[in-house]
Amino acid sequence: PAAILAVSAHWEAAPPAIGTSASLPLIYDFYGFPEALYQVQYPAPGAPELARRVRELLAPGTREAPQRGLDHGVWTPLVHMFPAADIPVLQVSLPTGDGPRAVYELGRKLAPLRAEGVLLYGSGNITHNLRRVAPDGSAPEGWAGDYDAWVVHALAHKDVDALIDAPEK
């Protein structure tokens, strides 16, 4: 890709915020993991042109967060996907306050970037609670597996309305 636009489940803001368009230190927004994870570097170049284009697509109603580096929801997968760290990366926050509909609308507004060579990349899990992960690697709790299966079904059938209405259902 010409650039990567990342949306991480680890950054929410209202209105949506555009992160740094320069290369800043990574954010190690986790605790209790092996020291090696806190030493990972991912010096991807910033994406000022992409930031300009995102502001254009989301206007009005965005704010800037120029001092915010990439959080682990962005850099952890990218260090494996593009280990050379030679593709410009920009992070935008998830919108808060309006639930899944706002996230859907954010994606709809950013969709034209795909045709411009930008990889739109969402990071996060359907369910995510490391405190409840079984240390022996056994199957997830029933509710988590059931919900994952429901999401897979809705995605496979392109049932966007069901996904947007999930919190109410």
N, C-alpha and C. Protein backbone atom coordinates (compact mmCIF):
# COMPACT_ATOMS: atom_id res chain seq x y z
N PRO A 1 0.82 -1.21 0.00
CA PRO A 1 0.00 0.00 0.00
C PRO A 1 0.86 1.27 0.00
N ALA A 2 0.27 2.36 -0.49
CA ALA A 2 0.98 3.64 -0.47
C ALA A 2 1.05 4.20 0.94
N ALA A 3 0.06 3.89 1.76
CA ALA A 3 0.00 4.32 3.16
C ALA A 3 -0.97 3.42 3.90
N ILE A 4 -0.93 3.50 5.23
CA ILE A 4 -1.82 2.70 6.07
C ILE A 4 -2.58 3.65 6.99
N LEU A 5 -3.90 3.51 7.00
CA LEU A 5 -4.73 4.25 7.94
C LEU A 5 -5.28 3.24 8.94
N ALA A 6 -4.89 3.40 10.19
CA ALA A 6 -5.27 2.44 11.22
C ALA A 6 -6.29 3.03 12.18
N VAL A 7 -7.26 2.19 12.54
CA VAL A 7 -8.22 2.52 13.57
C VAL A 7 -8.08 1.42 14.61
N SER A 8 -7.73 1.81 15.83
CA SER A 8 -7.48 0.83 16.88
C SER A 8 -8.57 0.91 17.94
N ALA A 9 -8.95 -0.24 18.44
CA ALA A 9 -9.94 -0.28 19.52
C ALA A 9 -9.39 0.31 20.82
N HIS A 10 -8.12 0.69 20.81
CA HIS A 10 -7.49 1.23 22.02
C HIS A 10 -7.46 2.75 22.06
N TRP A 11 -8.16 3.40 21.13
CA TRP A 11 -8.22 4.86 21.15
C TRP A 11 -9.60 5.30 20.69
N GLU A 12 -10.33 5.90 21.59
CA GLU A 12 -11.65 6.43 21.29
C GLU A 12 -11.66 7.92 21.61
N ALA A 13 -12.34 8.69 20.79
CA ALA A 13 -12.44 10.13 21.04
C ALA A 13 -13.68 10.68 20.34
N ALA A 14 -14.23 11.73 20.93
CA ALA A 14 -15.35 12.42 20.31
C ALA A 14 -15.02 13.91 20.26
N PRO A 15 -15.01 14.49 19.08
CA PRO A 15 -15.16 13.88 17.77
C PRO A 15 -13.92 13.03 17.45
N PRO A 16 -13.98 12.26 16.37
CA PRO A 16 -12.82 11.46 16.00
C PRO A 16 -11.57 12.33 15.88
N ALA A 17 -10.46 11.77 16.33
CA ALA A 17 -9.19 12.50 16.31
C ALA A 17 -8.23 11.86 15.32
N ILE A 18 -7.40 12.71 14.75
CA ILE A 18 -6.35 12.27 13.82
C ILE A 18 -5.05 12.34 14.59
N GLY A 19 -4.35 11.22 14.66
CA GLY A 19 -3.09 11.15 15.40
C GLY A 19 -1.97 11.85 14.67
N THR A 20 -0.77 11.65 15.18
CA THR A 20 0.39 12.31 14.63
C THR A 20 0.59 11.96 13.16
N SER A 21 1.07 12.94 12.40
CA SER A 21 1.43 12.66 11.00
C SER A 21 2.95 12.62 10.89
N ALA A 22 3.63 12.57 12.02
CA ALA A 22 5.09 12.41 12.08
C ALA A 22 5.38 11.08 12.75
N SER A 23 6.62 10.68 12.73
CA SER A 23 7.02 9.46 13.40
C SER A 23 7.36 9.80 14.86
N LEU A 24 6.54 9.34 15.78
CA LEU A 24 6.75 9.58 17.21
C LEU A 24 7.00 8.26 17.92
N PRO A 25 7.48 8.30 19.17
CA PRO A 25 7.64 7.05 19.92
C PRO A 25 6.31 6.29 20.04
N LEU A 26 6.43 4.99 20.07
CA LEU A 26 5.25 4.14 20.22
C LEU A 26 4.65 4.28 21.60
N ILE A 27 3.37 3.94 21.70
CA ILE A 27 2.69 3.90 22.99
C ILE A 27 2.62 2.44 23.42
N TYR A 28 3.13 2.15 24.60
CA TYR A 28 3.10 0.80 25.16
C TYR A 28 1.97 0.78 26.18
N ASP A 29 0.74 0.78 25.68
CA ASP A 29 -0.45 0.92 26.52
C ASP A 29 -0.96 -0.44 27.00
N PHE A 30 -0.09 -1.14 27.72
CA PHE A 30 -0.42 -2.43 28.31
C PHE A 30 0.53 -2.63 29.48
N TYR A 31 0.28 -3.63 30.28
CA TYR A 31 1.16 -3.88 31.41
C TYR A 31 1.19 -5.37 31.71
N GLY A 32 2.27 -5.78 32.36
CA GLY A 32 2.40 -7.16 32.81
C GLY A 32 2.87 -8.14 31.76
N PHE A 33 3.43 -7.67 30.68
CA PHE A 33 3.90 -8.55 29.61
C PHE A 33 5.41 -8.67 29.67
N PRO A 34 6.00 -9.61 28.93
CA PRO A 34 7.46 -9.75 28.93
C PRO A 34 8.15 -8.45 28.48
N GLU A 35 9.30 -8.18 29.10
CA GLU A 35 10.05 -6.95 28.83
C GLU A 35 10.34 -6.75 27.34
N ALA A 36 10.51 -7.83 26.60
CA ALA A 36 10.82 -7.71 25.17
C ALA A 36 9.75 -6.91 24.42
N LEU A 37 8.50 -7.02 24.82
CA LEU A 37 7.43 -6.26 24.14
C LEU A 37 7.59 -4.76 24.33
N TYR A 38 8.16 -4.35 25.44
CA TYR A 38 8.34 -2.92 25.71
C TYR A 38 9.57 -2.36 24.98
N GLN A 39 10.30 -3.24 24.33
CA GLN A 39 11.47 -2.82 23.57
C GLN A 39 11.21 -2.79 22.07
N VAL A 40 10.05 -3.27 21.63
CA VAL A 40 9.72 -3.30 20.20
C VAL A 40 9.70 -1.87 19.66
N GLN A 41 10.28 -1.73 18.51
CA GLN A 41 10.28 -0.44 17.81
C GLN A 41 9.58 -0.63 16.47
N TYR A 42 8.89 0.40 16.02
CA TYR A 42 8.25 0.38 14.70
C TYR A 42 8.31 1.82 14.15
N PRO A 43 9.46 2.18 13.59
CA PRO A 43 9.68 3.58 13.16
C PRO A 43 9.09 3.89 11.78
N ALA A 44 7.83 3.57 11.58
CA ALA A 44 7.18 3.87 10.30
C ALA A 44 7.16 5.38 10.07
N PRO A 45 7.30 5.80 8.83
CA PRO A 45 7.21 7.23 8.57
C PRO A 45 5.79 7.74 8.81
N GLY A 46 5.71 9.01 9.14
CA GLY A 46 4.40 9.64 9.29
C GLY A 46 3.74 9.80 7.94
N ALA A 47 2.48 10.22 7.95
CA ALA A 47 1.70 10.32 6.72
C ALA A 47 0.96 11.66 6.66
N PRO A 48 1.70 12.78 6.50
CA PRO A 48 1.04 14.08 6.50
C PRO A 48 0.04 14.27 5.35
N GLU A 49 0.33 13.72 4.19
CA GLU A 49 -0.62 13.85 3.07
C GLU A 49 -1.89 13.06 3.35
N LEU A 50 -1.73 11.89 3.94
CA LEU A 50 -2.90 11.10 4.31
C LEU A 50 -3.71 11.82 5.38
N ALA A 51 -3.04 12.45 6.34
CA ALA A 51 -3.74 13.21 7.38
C ALA A 51 -4.57 14.33 6.75
N ARG A 52 -4.00 15.01 5.77
CA ARG A 52 -4.74 16.07 5.07
C ARG A 52 -5.98 15.50 4.41
N ARG A 53 -5.82 14.36 3.74
CA ARG A 53 -6.94 13.73 3.03
C ARG A 53 -8.01 13.25 4.01
N VAL A 54 -7.61 12.70 5.14
CA VAL A 54 -8.56 12.24 6.15
C VAL A 54 -9.35 13.43 6.70
N ARG A 55 -8.66 14.53 6.98
CA ARG A 55 -9.37 15.74 7.44
C ARG A 55 -10.42 16.16 6.43
N GLU A 56 -10.05 16.09 5.16
CA GLU A 56 -10.96 16.43 4.06
C GLU A 56 -12.21 15.53 4.08
N LEU A 57 -11.98 14.23 4.21
CA LEU A 57 -13.08 13.26 4.16
C LEU A 57 -13.98 13.32 5.39
N LEU A 58 -13.40 13.67 6.53
CA LEU A 58 -14.17 13.66 7.78
C LEU A 58 -14.71 15.03 8.16
N ALA A 59 -14.31 16.04 7.44
CA ALA A 59 -14.73 17.41 7.79
C ALA A 59 -16.22 17.58 7.62
N PRO A 60 -16.85 18.40 8.42
CA PRO A 60 -16.28 18.96 9.65
C PRO A 60 -16.36 17.94 10.78
N GLY A 61 -15.75 18.27 11.88
CA GLY A 61 -15.95 17.43 13.04
C GLY A 61 -14.82 16.50 13.40
N THR A 62 -13.58 16.87 13.12
CA THR A 62 -12.46 16.08 13.62
C THR A 62 -11.60 17.00 14.48
N ARG A 63 -10.73 16.40 15.21
CA ARG A 63 -9.76 17.19 15.96
C ARG A 63 -8.38 16.57 15.75
N GLU A 64 -7.37 17.31 16.11
CA GLU A 64 -5.99 16.85 15.93
C GLU A 64 -5.44 16.34 17.26
N ALA A 65 -4.62 15.33 17.19
CA ALA A 65 -3.89 14.82 18.36
C ALA A 65 -2.44 14.60 17.91
N PRO A 66 -1.72 15.70 17.60
CA PRO A 66 -0.40 15.59 16.98
C PRO A 66 0.68 14.98 17.84
N GLN A 67 0.46 14.85 19.13
CA GLN A 67 1.48 14.28 20.02
C GLN A 67 1.23 12.81 20.34
N ARG A 68 0.19 12.21 19.73
CA ARG A 68 -0.16 10.83 20.05
C ARG A 68 0.53 9.88 19.09
N GLY A 69 1.43 9.05 19.63
CA GLY A 69 2.09 8.03 18.83
C GLY A 69 1.14 6.86 18.57
N LEU A 70 1.64 5.86 17.89
CA LEU A 70 0.83 4.68 17.55
C LEU A 70 0.69 3.78 18.78
N ASP A 71 -0.54 3.35 19.07
CA ASP A 71 -0.75 2.46 20.21
C ASP A 71 -0.52 1.00 19.80
N HIS A 72 -0.51 0.12 20.81
CA HIS A 72 -0.16 -1.27 20.51
C HIS A 72 -1.18 -1.96 19.61
N GLY A 73 -2.40 -1.46 19.55
CA GLY A 73 -3.38 -2.02 18.62
C GLY A 73 -2.99 -1.78 17.17
N VAL A 74 -2.14 -0.80 16.94
CA VAL A 74 -1.65 -0.50 15.59
C VAL A 74 -0.32 -1.19 15.33
N TRP A 75 0.67 -0.92 16.19
CA TRP A 75 2.01 -1.40 15.88
C TRP A 75 2.20 -2.90 16.08
N THR A 76 1.45 -3.52 17.01
CA THR A 76 1.66 -4.96 17.24
C THR A 76 1.39 -5.78 15.98
N PRO A 77 0.27 -5.60 15.28
CA PRO A 77 0.09 -6.35 14.03
C PRO A 77 1.01 -5.88 12.90
N LEU A 78 1.25 -4.55 12.81
CA LEU A 78 2.05 -4.04 11.69
C LEU A 78 3.49 -4.52 11.73
N VAL A 79 4.03 -4.73 12.92
CA VAL A 79 5.41 -5.19 13.01
C VAL A 79 5.56 -6.57 12.35
N HIS A 80 4.46 -7.32 12.26
CA HIS A 80 4.48 -8.62 11.58
C HIS A 80 4.03 -8.52 10.12
N MET A 81 3.08 -7.64 9.85
CA MET A 81 2.56 -7.49 8.49
C MET A 81 3.55 -6.80 7.56
N PHE A 82 4.16 -5.75 8.06
CA PHE A 82 5.10 -4.94 7.27
C PHE A 82 6.33 -4.66 8.13
N PRO A 83 7.18 -5.67 8.37
CA PRO A 83 8.28 -5.54 9.32
C PRO A 83 9.32 -4.48 8.94
N ALA A 84 9.41 -4.10 7.69
CA ALA A 84 10.39 -3.08 7.30
C ALA A 84 10.01 -1.70 7.81
N ALA A 85 8.77 -1.50 8.23
CA ALA A 85 8.28 -0.21 8.75
C ALA A 85 8.56 0.92 7.78
N ASP A 86 8.39 0.64 6.49
CA ASP A 86 8.72 1.64 5.47
C ASP A 86 7.48 2.24 4.79
N ILE A 87 6.30 1.94 5.31
CA ILE A 87 5.05 2.46 4.75
C ILE A 87 4.52 3.52 5.72
N PRO A 88 4.16 4.70 5.24
CA PRO A 88 3.61 5.73 6.13
C PRO A 88 2.35 5.23 6.83
N VAL A 89 2.26 5.53 8.14
CA VAL A 89 1.13 5.09 8.95
C VAL A 89 0.50 6.29 9.64
N LEU A 90 -0.82 6.31 9.64
CA LEU A 90 -1.60 7.31 10.36
C LEU A 90 -2.67 6.57 11.15
N GLN A 91 -2.92 7.05 12.37
CA GLN A 91 -3.97 6.45 13.19
C GLN A 91 -5.08 7.48 13.38
N VAL A 92 -6.32 7.00 13.30
CA VAL A 92 -7.48 7.83 13.62
C VAL A 92 -8.25 7.11 14.72
N SER A 93 -8.83 7.89 15.61
CA SER A 93 -9.54 7.28 16.75
C SER A 93 -10.91 6.74 16.33
N LEU A 94 -11.40 5.82 17.12
CA LEU A 94 -12.78 5.40 16.99
C LEU A 94 -13.66 6.52 17.54
N PRO A 95 -14.79 6.77 16.90
CA PRO A 95 -15.70 7.77 17.45
C PRO A 95 -16.41 7.22 18.68
N THR A 96 -16.70 8.08 19.63
CA THR A 96 -17.42 7.64 20.82
C THR A 96 -18.78 8.31 20.87
N GLY A 97 -19.65 7.75 21.67
CA GLY A 97 -20.92 8.38 21.95
C GLY A 97 -22.09 7.91 21.12
N ASP A 98 -21.87 7.50 19.89
CA ASP A 98 -22.98 7.12 19.03
C ASP A 98 -22.99 5.64 18.69
N GLY A 99 -22.17 4.85 19.35
CA GLY A 99 -22.17 3.42 19.16
C GLY A 99 -21.71 2.96 17.79
N PRO A 100 -22.10 1.75 17.42
CA PRO A 100 -21.65 1.15 16.17
C PRO A 100 -22.01 1.95 14.91
N ARG A 101 -23.12 2.67 14.93
CA ARG A 101 -23.50 3.46 13.76
C ARG A 101 -22.41 4.49 13.43
N ALA A 102 -21.84 5.12 14.45
CA ALA A 102 -20.78 6.11 14.23
C ALA A 102 -19.54 5.46 13.64
N VAL A 103 -19.22 4.25 14.09
CA VAL A 103 -18.07 3.53 13.55
C VAL A 103 -18.32 3.18 12.09
N TYR A 104 -19.52 2.72 11.79
CA TYR A 104 -19.89 2.41 10.41
C TYR A 104 -19.77 3.65 9.53
N GLU A 105 -20.27 4.77 10.01
CA GLU A 105 -20.21 6.02 9.24
C GLU A 105 -18.78 6.47 9.03
N LEU A 106 -17.94 6.29 10.04
CA LEU A 106 -16.52 6.61 9.88
C LEU A 106 -15.93 5.79 8.74
N GLY A 107 -16.21 4.50 8.73
CA GLY A 107 -15.72 3.64 7.66
C GLY A 107 -16.24 4.03 6.30
N ARG A 108 -17.51 4.38 6.26
CA ARG A 108 -18.11 4.80 4.99
C ARG A 108 -17.42 6.06 4.45
N LYS A 109 -17.15 7.00 5.33
CA LYS A 109 -16.50 8.25 4.91
C LYS A 109 -15.05 8.02 4.47
N LEU A 110 -14.38 7.06 5.08
CA LEU A 110 -12.98 6.80 4.76
C LEU A 110 -12.80 5.83 3.59
N ALA A 111 -13.86 5.16 3.17
CA ALA A 111 -13.79 4.13 2.13
C ALA A 111 -13.12 4.60 0.83
N PRO A 112 -13.29 5.86 0.38
CA PRO A 112 -12.62 6.27 -0.86
C PRO A 112 -11.11 6.13 -0.83
N LEU A 113 -10.53 6.08 0.33
CA LEU A 113 -9.07 5.94 0.42
C LEU A 113 -8.56 4.63 -0.16
N ARG A 114 -9.42 3.60 -0.15
CA ARG A 114 -9.01 2.30 -0.70
C ARG A 114 -8.60 2.44 -2.16
N ALA A 115 -9.37 3.22 -2.91
CA ALA A 115 -9.07 3.41 -4.34
C ALA A 115 -7.83 4.29 -4.54
N GLU A 116 -7.35 4.90 -3.48
CA GLU A 116 -6.17 5.76 -3.54
C GLU A 116 -4.92 5.03 -3.04
N GLY A 117 -5.02 3.73 -2.87
CA GLY A 117 -3.87 2.92 -2.48
C GLY A 117 -3.61 2.86 -0.98
N VAL A 118 -4.58 3.28 -0.18
CA VAL A 118 -4.41 3.27 1.27
C VAL A 118 -5.03 1.99 1.84
N LEU A 119 -4.27 1.32 2.69
CA LEU A 119 -4.78 0.16 3.41
C LEU A 119 -5.55 0.67 4.62
N LEU A 120 -6.85 0.40 4.65
CA LEU A 120 -7.68 0.74 5.81
C LEU A 120 -7.63 -0.46 6.74
N TYR A 121 -7.21 -0.23 7.95
CA TYR A 121 -6.88 -1.31 8.83
C TYR A 121 -7.51 -1.09 10.21
N GLY A 122 -8.39 -1.99 10.58
CA GLY A 122 -9.02 -1.93 11.90
C GLY A 122 -8.41 -2.97 12.81
N SER A 123 -8.06 -2.57 14.01
CA SER A 123 -7.41 -3.47 14.93
C SER A 123 -8.22 -3.61 16.21
N GLY A 124 -8.41 -4.82 16.64
CA GLY A 124 -9.14 -5.11 17.86
C GLY A 124 -9.81 -6.46 17.71
N ASN A 125 -10.36 -6.94 18.78
CA ASN A 125 -11.04 -8.22 18.75
C ASN A 125 -12.53 -8.02 18.92
N ILE A 126 -13.28 -9.01 18.54
CA ILE A 126 -14.72 -8.97 18.77
C ILE A 126 -14.98 -8.99 20.27
N THR A 127 -14.30 -9.86 20.98
CA THR A 127 -14.33 -9.87 22.44
C THR A 127 -12.88 -9.83 22.90
N HIS A 128 -12.63 -9.11 24.00
CA HIS A 128 -11.24 -8.91 24.39
C HIS A 128 -11.18 -8.62 25.89
N ASN A 129 -10.76 -9.61 26.64
CA ASN A 129 -10.57 -9.42 28.06
C ASN A 129 -9.51 -10.40 28.52
N LEU A 130 -8.27 -9.93 28.53
CA LEU A 130 -7.16 -10.83 28.85
C LEU A 130 -7.24 -11.40 30.26
N ARG A 131 -7.95 -10.71 31.16
CA ARG A 131 -8.08 -11.23 32.52
C ARG A 131 -8.94 -12.50 32.54
N ARG A 132 -9.71 -12.74 31.49
CA ARG A 132 -10.59 -13.91 31.48
C ARG A 132 -10.11 -15.00 30.53
N VAL A 133 -8.92 -14.82 29.95
CA VAL A 133 -8.37 -15.85 29.06
C VAL A 133 -7.85 -16.98 29.94
N ALA A 134 -8.20 -18.18 29.57
CA ALA A 134 -7.76 -19.35 30.33
C ALA A 134 -6.26 -19.56 30.11
N PRO A 135 -5.47 -19.60 31.18
CA PRO A 135 -4.02 -19.75 31.03
C PRO A 135 -3.61 -21.07 30.38
N ASP A 136 -4.48 -22.06 30.42
CA ASP A 136 -4.13 -23.35 29.82
C ASP A 136 -4.47 -23.42 28.33
N GLY A 137 -4.96 -22.30 27.76
CA GLY A 137 -5.27 -22.26 26.34
C GLY A 137 -6.57 -22.95 25.97
N SER A 138 -7.40 -23.27 26.95
CA SER A 138 -8.66 -23.93 26.64
C SER A 138 -9.62 -22.99 25.92
N ALA A 139 -10.71 -23.53 25.49
CA ALA A 139 -11.70 -22.78 24.70
C ALA A 139 -12.20 -21.56 25.48
N PRO A 140 -12.60 -20.52 24.75
CA PRO A 140 -13.15 -19.35 25.43
C PRO A 140 -14.47 -19.68 26.11
N GLU A 141 -14.89 -18.79 26.98
CA GLU A 141 -16.18 -18.97 27.64
C GLU A 141 -17.28 -19.05 26.58
N GLY A 142 -18.34 -19.77 26.89
CA GLY A 142 -19.41 -20.01 25.93
C GLY A 142 -19.98 -18.75 25.30
N TRP A 143 -20.25 -17.72 26.12
CA TRP A 143 -20.84 -16.49 25.59
C TRP A 143 -19.92 -15.83 24.55
N ALA A 144 -18.60 -15.90 24.78
CA ALA A 144 -17.66 -15.28 23.84
C ALA A 144 -17.66 -16.03 22.51
N GLY A 145 -17.63 -17.36 22.58
CA GLY A 145 -17.67 -18.15 21.36
C GLY A 145 -18.97 -17.98 20.60
N ASP A 146 -20.08 -17.92 21.35
CA ASP A 146 -21.39 -17.71 20.72
C ASP A 146 -21.45 -16.37 20.01
N TYR A 147 -20.94 -15.33 20.68
CA TYR A 147 -20.98 -13.99 20.08
C TYR A 147 -20.07 -13.93 18.85
N ASP A 148 -18.88 -14.50 18.93
CA ASP A 148 -18.00 -14.53 17.77
C ASP A 148 -18.68 -15.22 16.59
N ALA A 149 -19.33 -16.35 16.84
CA ALA A 149 -20.02 -17.09 15.78
C ALA A 149 -21.14 -16.25 15.18
N TRP A 150 -21.87 -15.52 16.02
CA TRP A 150 -22.95 -14.65 15.53
C TRP A 150 -22.37 -13.55 14.63
N VAL A 151 -21.25 -12.95 15.05
CA VAL A 151 -20.63 -11.89 14.25
C VAL A 151 -20.15 -12.45 12.91
N VAL A 152 -19.52 -13.61 12.93
CA VAL A 152 -19.06 -14.23 11.68
C VAL A 152 -20.24 -14.45 10.73
N HIS A 153 -21.35 -14.94 11.26
CA HIS A 153 -22.54 -15.17 10.46
C HIS A 153 -23.05 -13.86 9.86
N ALA A 154 -23.15 -12.82 10.69
CA ALA A 154 -23.64 -11.53 10.21
C ALA A 154 -22.71 -10.95 9.14
N LEU A 155 -21.40 -11.08 9.34
CA LEU A 155 -20.45 -10.59 8.33
C LEU A 155 -20.57 -11.37 7.03
N ALA A 156 -20.67 -12.70 7.14
CA ALA A 156 -20.77 -13.54 5.95
C ALA A 156 -22.01 -13.20 5.14
N HIS A 157 -23.07 -12.78 5.82
CA HIS A 157 -24.33 -12.45 5.14
C HIS A 157 -24.49 -10.95 4.89
N LYS A 158 -23.39 -10.20 5.16
CA LYS A 158 -23.40 -8.75 4.95
C LYS A 158 -24.58 -8.07 5.65
N ASP A 159 -24.88 -8.55 6.85
CA ASP A 159 -26.00 -8.02 7.63
C ASP A 159 -25.51 -6.87 8.50
N VAL A 160 -25.23 -5.75 7.84
CA VAL A 160 -24.69 -4.57 8.51
C VAL A 160 -25.65 -4.07 9.59
N ASP A 161 -26.95 -4.07 9.30
CA ASP A 161 -27.92 -3.58 10.28
C ASP A 161 -27.88 -4.39 11.56
N ALA A 162 -27.74 -5.70 11.46
CA ALA A 162 -27.65 -6.54 12.66
C ALA A 162 -26.42 -6.19 13.48
N LEU A 163 -25.29 -5.98 12.80
CA LEU A 163 -24.07 -5.63 13.49
C LEU A 163 -24.18 -4.27 14.19
N ILE A 164 -24.79 -3.31 13.51
CA ILE A 164 -24.96 -1.98 14.09
C ILE A 164 -25.91 -2.04 15.28
N ASP A 165 -26.93 -2.87 15.21
CA ASP A 165 -27.92 -2.97 16.28
C ASP A 165 -27.51 -3.96 17.39
N ALA A 166 -26.35 -4.56 17.29
CA ALA A 166 -25.95 -5.60 18.24
C ALA A 166 -26.04 -5.18 19.70
N PRO A 167 -25.60 -3.98 20.08
CA PRO A 167 -25.69 -3.63 21.51
C PRO A 167 -27.11 -3.61 22.05
N GLU A 168 -28.07 -3.24 21.22
CA GLU A 168 -29.46 -3.21 21.67
C GLU A 168 -30.07 -4.60 21.70
N LYS A 169 -29.55 -5.50 20.92
CA LYS A 169 -30.10 -6.84 20.84
C LYS A 169 -29.43 -7.74 21.86
